[in-house]
Protein backbone atom coordinates (compact mmCIF):
# COMPACT_ATOMS: atom_id res chain seq x y z
CA MET A 1 -11.83 96.34 24.27
CA GLY A 2 -13.05 93.66 21.89
CA ARG A 3 -13.02 89.97 21.16
CA MET A 4 -9.97 88.67 19.28
CA LEU A 5 -9.16 85.27 17.81
CA ILE A 6 -5.61 84.42 16.79
CA VAL A 7 -5.51 81.50 14.37
CA GLY A 8 -2.11 79.93 14.90
CA GLY A 9 -1.94 81.48 18.35
CA THR A 10 -0.22 78.44 19.81
CA GLY A 11 2.92 79.20 17.77
CA GLU A 12 5.67 81.57 18.90
CA THR A 13 4.58 84.66 16.96
CA GLY A 14 0.90 84.04 17.63
CA SER A 15 1.59 83.58 21.34
CA TRP A 16 3.59 86.83 21.44
CA PHE A 17 0.66 88.78 20.04
CA ALA A 18 -1.82 86.90 22.22
CA ARG A 19 0.02 88.24 25.27
CA TYR A 20 0.35 91.67 23.71
CA PHE A 21 -3.32 92.15 22.93
CA ARG A 22 -4.38 90.44 26.15
CA ASP A 23 -2.41 93.09 28.03
CA HIS A 24 -4.30 95.77 26.08
CA GLY A 25 -7.66 94.58 27.32
CA PHE A 26 -8.79 92.30 24.50
CA ASP A 27 -10.67 89.10 25.23
CA VAL A 28 -8.16 86.90 23.42
CA CYS A 29 -8.82 83.40 22.17
CA ILE A 30 -6.27 81.26 20.33
CA TRP A 31 -6.44 78.22 18.10
CA GLY A 32 -3.81 75.92 16.60
CA PRO A 33 -4.09 72.82 14.41
CA SER A 34 -2.26 70.70 16.99
CA GLY A 35 -4.86 71.48 19.66
CA LYS A 36 -2.35 72.69 22.27
CA PHE A 37 -4.96 74.13 24.62
CA HIS A 38 -2.39 74.14 27.45
CA VAL A 39 -0.68 77.05 25.63
CA ALA A 40 -3.84 79.09 26.16
CA ASP A 41 -3.80 78.21 29.85
CA ALA A 42 -0.17 79.35 30.14
CA LEU A 43 -0.98 82.61 28.36
CA GLY A 44 -4.08 83.29 30.40
CA VAL A 45 -6.37 83.36 27.34
CA ARG A 46 -9.16 81.18 26.00
CA TYR A 47 -8.75 78.28 23.56
CA ALA A 48 -11.14 77.93 20.61
CA HIS A 49 -12.44 74.38 20.72
CA ASP A 50 -14.93 75.30 17.97
CA LEU A 51 -12.89 77.37 15.53
CA MET A 52 -15.57 78.48 13.10
CA SER A 53 -18.00 79.38 15.85
CA GLU A 54 -15.32 81.59 17.42
CA VAL A 55 -14.61 83.22 14.05
CA GLY A 56 -18.23 84.28 13.74
CA GLU A 57 -18.22 85.85 17.20
CA SER A 58 -14.88 87.69 17.02
CA ASP A 59 -14.33 91.38 16.37
CA ILE A 60 -10.81 90.75 15.11
CA VAL A 61 -9.42 87.55 13.61
CA VAL A 62 -5.64 87.42 13.23
CA LEU A 63 -3.98 84.84 10.97
CA SER A 64 -0.58 83.78 12.29
CA VAL A 65 0.07 80.65 10.24
CA PRO A 66 2.90 79.60 7.87
CA ILE A 67 3.15 81.87 4.83
CA GLU A 68 2.31 79.17 2.32
CA ARG A 69 -0.87 78.28 4.22
CA THR A 70 -2.14 81.80 4.83
CA PRO A 71 -4.21 82.20 1.61
CA GLU A 72 -5.82 78.79 2.17
CA VAL A 73 -6.67 79.59 5.80
CA ALA A 74 -7.98 83.03 4.80
CA ARG A 75 -10.35 81.46 2.29
CA ARG A 76 -11.65 79.13 4.99
CA ILE A 77 -12.03 81.83 7.64
CA GLY A 78 -13.14 84.80 5.52
CA PRO A 79 -16.72 83.77 4.67
CA ALA A 80 -17.55 83.24 8.37
CA MET A 81 -16.45 86.72 9.50
CA LYS A 82 -19.17 88.81 11.07
CA SER A 83 -20.24 92.20 9.71
CA GLY A 84 -17.94 95.06 10.72
CA SER A 85 -15.15 92.85 12.03
CA LEU A 86 -11.48 92.85 11.02
CA LEU A 87 -9.51 90.09 9.29
CA MET A 88 -5.74 90.59 9.43
CA ASP A 89 -2.59 88.54 9.03
CA LEU A 90 0.96 88.60 10.42
CA THR A 91 2.89 86.99 7.58
CA SER A 92 6.09 88.07 5.81
CA LEU A 93 4.49 88.24 2.35
CA LYS A 94 1.50 90.35 1.51
CA VAL A 95 0.25 90.18 -2.09
CA GLU A 96 -1.33 86.73 -1.98
CA PRO A 97 -2.49 86.76 1.69
CA VAL A 98 -4.19 90.17 1.32
CA ARG A 99 -5.82 89.15 -1.95
CA ALA A 100 -7.16 85.99 -0.33
CA MET A 101 -8.53 87.92 2.67
CA VAL A 102 -10.26 90.47 0.42
CA GLU A 103 -11.74 87.91 -1.96
CA SER A 104 -12.96 85.51 0.72
CA SER A 105 -14.54 87.90 3.24
CA PRO A 106 -17.78 89.93 2.98
CA PRO A 107 -17.30 93.50 1.68
CA ASP A 108 -18.20 95.04 5.04
CA VAL A 109 -15.34 93.20 6.77
CA GLU A 110 -12.16 95.21 7.32
CA VAL A 111 -8.95 93.73 5.87
CA LEU A 112 -5.46 94.59 7.08
CA GLY A 113 -2.15 93.07 6.17
CA ALA A 114 0.46 93.39 8.92
CA HIS A 115 4.12 92.38 9.02
CA PRO A 116 5.93 92.74 12.36
CA MET A 117 9.61 93.19 11.50
CA PHE A 118 10.81 91.46 14.64
CA GLY A 119 10.79 88.02 16.14
CA PRO A 120 9.07 86.63 19.23
CA THR A 121 12.26 86.89 21.27
CA MET A 122 11.84 90.67 21.49
CA PRO A 123 10.55 91.73 24.95
CA SER A 124 8.76 94.86 23.73
CA ILE A 125 7.32 96.39 20.58
CA ARG A 126 8.88 99.78 21.37
CA GLY A 127 11.28 100.81 18.63
CA GLN A 128 10.27 97.89 16.42
CA THR A 129 8.95 98.33 12.89
CA VAL A 130 5.51 97.07 11.90
CA ILE A 131 4.47 97.35 8.26
CA LEU A 132 0.77 97.68 7.51
CA THR A 133 -0.75 97.07 4.08
CA PRO A 134 -4.33 98.39 4.29
CA VAL A 135 -6.89 97.89 1.55
CA GLY A 136 -8.86 100.80 0.13
CA GLY A 137 -12.46 100.69 1.31
CA ARG A 138 -11.71 97.99 3.89
CA TRP A 139 -10.33 100.22 6.67
CA GLY A 140 -12.44 101.05 9.70
CA ARG A 141 -12.81 101.10 13.44
CA TRP A 142 -10.78 98.01 14.31
CA SER A 143 -7.98 98.71 11.84
CA SER A 144 -7.64 102.21 13.27
CA LEU A 145 -7.55 100.83 16.82
CA VAL A 146 -4.80 98.33 15.98
CA ARG A 147 -2.65 101.08 14.45
CA GLU A 148 -3.33 103.39 17.39
CA ILE A 149 -2.24 100.75 19.91
CA LEU A 150 0.97 99.97 18.00
CA GLU A 151 1.95 103.62 17.68
CA ARG A 152 1.05 104.43 21.27
CA ASP A 153 3.40 101.67 22.41
CA GLY A 154 6.28 103.14 20.44
CA ALA A 155 6.25 100.92 17.35
CA ARG A 156 7.40 102.46 14.06
CA VAL A 157 4.40 101.90 11.79
CA GLU A 158 5.02 102.06 8.04
CA VAL A 159 2.26 101.84 5.44
CA LEU A 160 2.80 100.24 2.03
CA THR A 161 0.71 98.58 -0.65
CA PRO A 162 1.01 94.76 -0.68
CA GLU A 163 3.13 94.88 -3.86
CA GLU A 164 5.41 97.61 -2.49
CA HIS A 165 5.86 95.50 0.62
CA ASP A 166 6.81 92.33 -1.24
CA ARG A 167 9.23 94.19 -3.54
CA MET A 168 10.92 95.79 -0.54
CA MET A 169 11.08 92.52 1.41
CA ALA A 170 12.71 90.79 -1.56
CA VAL A 171 15.81 92.78 -0.61
CA VAL A 172 15.33 93.60 3.09
CA GLN A 173 14.57 89.99 4.03
CA ALA A 174 15.09 87.55 1.16
CA LEU A 175 18.46 88.91 -0.01
CA THR A 176 19.98 89.44 3.44
CA HIS A 177 18.81 86.03 4.69
CA PHE A 178 20.07 84.37 1.51
CA ALA A 179 23.51 86.00 1.90
CA TYR A 180 23.84 85.03 5.57
CA ILE A 181 22.69 81.45 4.96
CA ALA A 182 25.11 81.23 2.01
CA ILE A 183 27.97 82.30 4.29
CA GLY A 184 26.94 79.65 6.82
CA SER A 185 26.68 77.03 4.10
CA THR A 186 30.13 78.03 2.80
CA LEU A 187 31.64 77.58 6.27
CA ARG A 188 30.13 74.08 6.34
CA SER A 189 31.41 73.31 2.83
CA LEU A 190 34.93 74.39 3.80
CA ARG A 191 34.71 72.43 7.07
CA PHE A 192 35.85 75.68 8.65
CA ASP A 193 36.25 75.59 12.43
CA VAL A 194 33.90 78.40 13.46
CA SER A 195 34.50 78.00 17.20
CA LYS A 196 38.28 78.08 16.80
CA SER A 197 38.07 81.18 14.60
CA ARG A 198 36.56 83.15 17.47
CA ARG A 199 40.01 83.13 19.14
CA PHE A 200 41.41 85.24 16.32
CA MET A 201 38.49 87.38 15.30
CA SER A 202 38.13 91.13 15.41
CA PRO A 203 34.93 92.54 16.93
CA VAL A 204 33.58 93.30 13.44
CA TYR A 205 34.06 89.66 12.38
CA GLU A 206 32.42 88.49 15.60
CA VAL A 207 29.37 90.70 15.02
CA MET A 208 29.03 89.40 11.44
CA LEU A 209 29.43 85.81 12.61
CA ASP A 210 26.77 86.27 15.27
CA PHE A 211 24.31 87.56 12.68
CA VAL A 212 25.00 84.48 10.55
CA GLY A 213 24.38 82.31 13.60
CA ARG A 214 21.26 84.26 14.46
CA ILE A 215 19.72 83.47 11.08
CA LEU A 216 20.84 79.83 11.20
CA ASP A 217 19.17 79.46 14.61
CA GLN A 218 15.75 80.24 13.12
CA ASN A 219 13.06 77.97 11.72
CA PRO A 220 14.19 76.73 8.25
CA GLU A 221 10.57 76.42 7.11
CA LEU A 222 9.93 80.11 7.75
CA TYR A 223 13.10 81.21 6.01
CA ALA A 224 12.43 78.98 3.01
CA SER A 225 8.94 80.50 2.79
CA ILE A 226 10.41 84.02 2.77
CA GLN A 227 12.44 83.04 -0.28
CA MET A 228 9.16 82.26 -2.05
CA ASN A 229 8.56 86.00 -2.39
CA PRO A 230 7.58 86.41 -6.08
CA PHE A 231 10.10 89.24 -6.47
CA ALA A 232 13.00 87.46 -4.74
CA GLU A 233 14.13 85.34 -7.71
CA ASP A 234 15.39 88.36 -9.66
CA VAL A 235 17.10 89.69 -6.53
CA ARG A 236 18.92 86.41 -5.85
CA ARG A 237 19.97 86.17 -9.49
CA ALA A 238 21.39 89.71 -9.40
CA PHE A 239 23.28 88.89 -6.19
CA ILE A 240 24.81 85.72 -7.62
CA GLU A 241 25.79 87.52 -10.84
CA GLU A 242 27.51 90.25 -8.83
CA CYS A 243 29.37 87.65 -6.76
CA ILE A 244 30.61 86.00 -9.95
CA ARG A 245 31.58 89.34 -11.50
CA LEU A 246 33.60 90.37 -8.44
CA SER A 247 35.25 86.95 -8.20
CA ASP A 248 36.15 86.96 -11.89
CA SER A 249 37.73 90.40 -11.63
CA ILE A 250 40.13 89.11 -8.97
CA GLU A 251 40.82 85.75 -10.60
CA THR A 252 41.67 87.42 -13.92
CA GLY A 253 43.92 89.97 -12.21
CA ASP A 254 41.64 92.89 -13.02
CA VAL A 255 42.03 94.56 -9.65
CA GLU A 256 40.91 97.90 -11.08
CA ALA A 257 37.55 96.37 -11.99
CA PHE A 258 37.13 95.18 -8.40
CA LYS A 259 37.99 98.61 -7.00
CA ARG A 260 35.68 100.30 -9.49
CA ALA A 261 32.82 98.00 -8.50
CA MET A 262 33.37 98.85 -4.84
CA ARG A 263 33.48 102.59 -5.52
CA GLU A 264 30.31 102.43 -7.64
CA ALA A 265 28.52 100.42 -4.94
CA ALA A 266 29.55 102.97 -2.32
CA GLU A 267 28.29 105.84 -4.47
CA HIS A 268 24.93 104.12 -4.93
CA PHE A 269 24.72 103.20 -1.24
CA GLY A 270 24.79 106.84 -0.22
CA ASP A 271 25.85 107.96 3.24
CA THR A 272 28.43 105.28 3.93
CA HIS A 273 30.14 107.38 6.61
CA SER A 274 27.05 107.41 8.83
CA ALA A 275 26.81 103.64 8.37
CA LEU A 276 30.44 103.38 9.47
CA GLN A 277 29.75 105.45 12.58
CA ARG A 278 26.64 103.44 13.54
CA SER A 279 28.44 100.14 13.07
CA ASP A 280 31.44 101.45 15.02
CA ARG A 281 29.18 101.91 18.05
CA ILE A 282 28.06 98.28 17.83
CA ILE A 283 31.62 97.05 17.33
CA ASN A 284 33.00 99.13 20.20
CA GLN A 285 30.27 97.83 22.48
CA ARG A 286 31.21 94.27 21.55
CA ALA A 287 34.89 95.03 22.16
CA GLN A 288 34.04 96.33 25.65
CA GLU A 289 32.05 93.18 26.41
CA ARG A 290 35.12 91.08 25.55
CA GLU A 291 37.40 92.91 28.01
């Protein structure tokens, strides 16, 4: 199929894709800064003891490193890429990583930004969303093959520009994570007994609480990096301002202002009834599990 190097392949996300592409016939090699070659043995792939030599021999080089390090690693790797190969990343931000890959690699090297919208705990890519941010003039054989494999396996592939991606993720990821972490932090501040509350919760509260716990169970470094999205500051500020506005409306006794804000939000949201029906299915399933 081809020779692939995953830089950061000893980490959880890198290891997931090492297995994935190994199972699709690629000769996969991984590298990590900690030198955990035993991870390669467990995955049944090779370990790159000479990183730059492996870069120069690979058809595809995948960067699966922390977001804040991706541009730096791209600038180190890019110049060593061989003609006609593909340099791609798997990070949650796209503007700076893609720019670094384009600027550092030869013009005949393909460049593809990729953002898998799922974590390494998922058993399959089927039904999962993967966002691609291709670069004009830097798309070719290997980029097409990667997209073909993802779609053939049932992934939902969406294509955006790097800026469109980061603007969308400022809400889809940064805002939702921020809100969930804020709820968790509030529970800590109140010294609220989360475990005890489960005795009295409705299924809808339990589902919400589990999503808070799900986010809190993740790597804080990753989630802090996601907040570094250049478009997330304005989103967080708008969220905090809306929280204050809603709180003030209640504290000042202006209940009509609160109700008006909720009605306006519902109108902007759109098809709230379908959202109710979809969430009902999740809630009913949870209720059945509790019986």
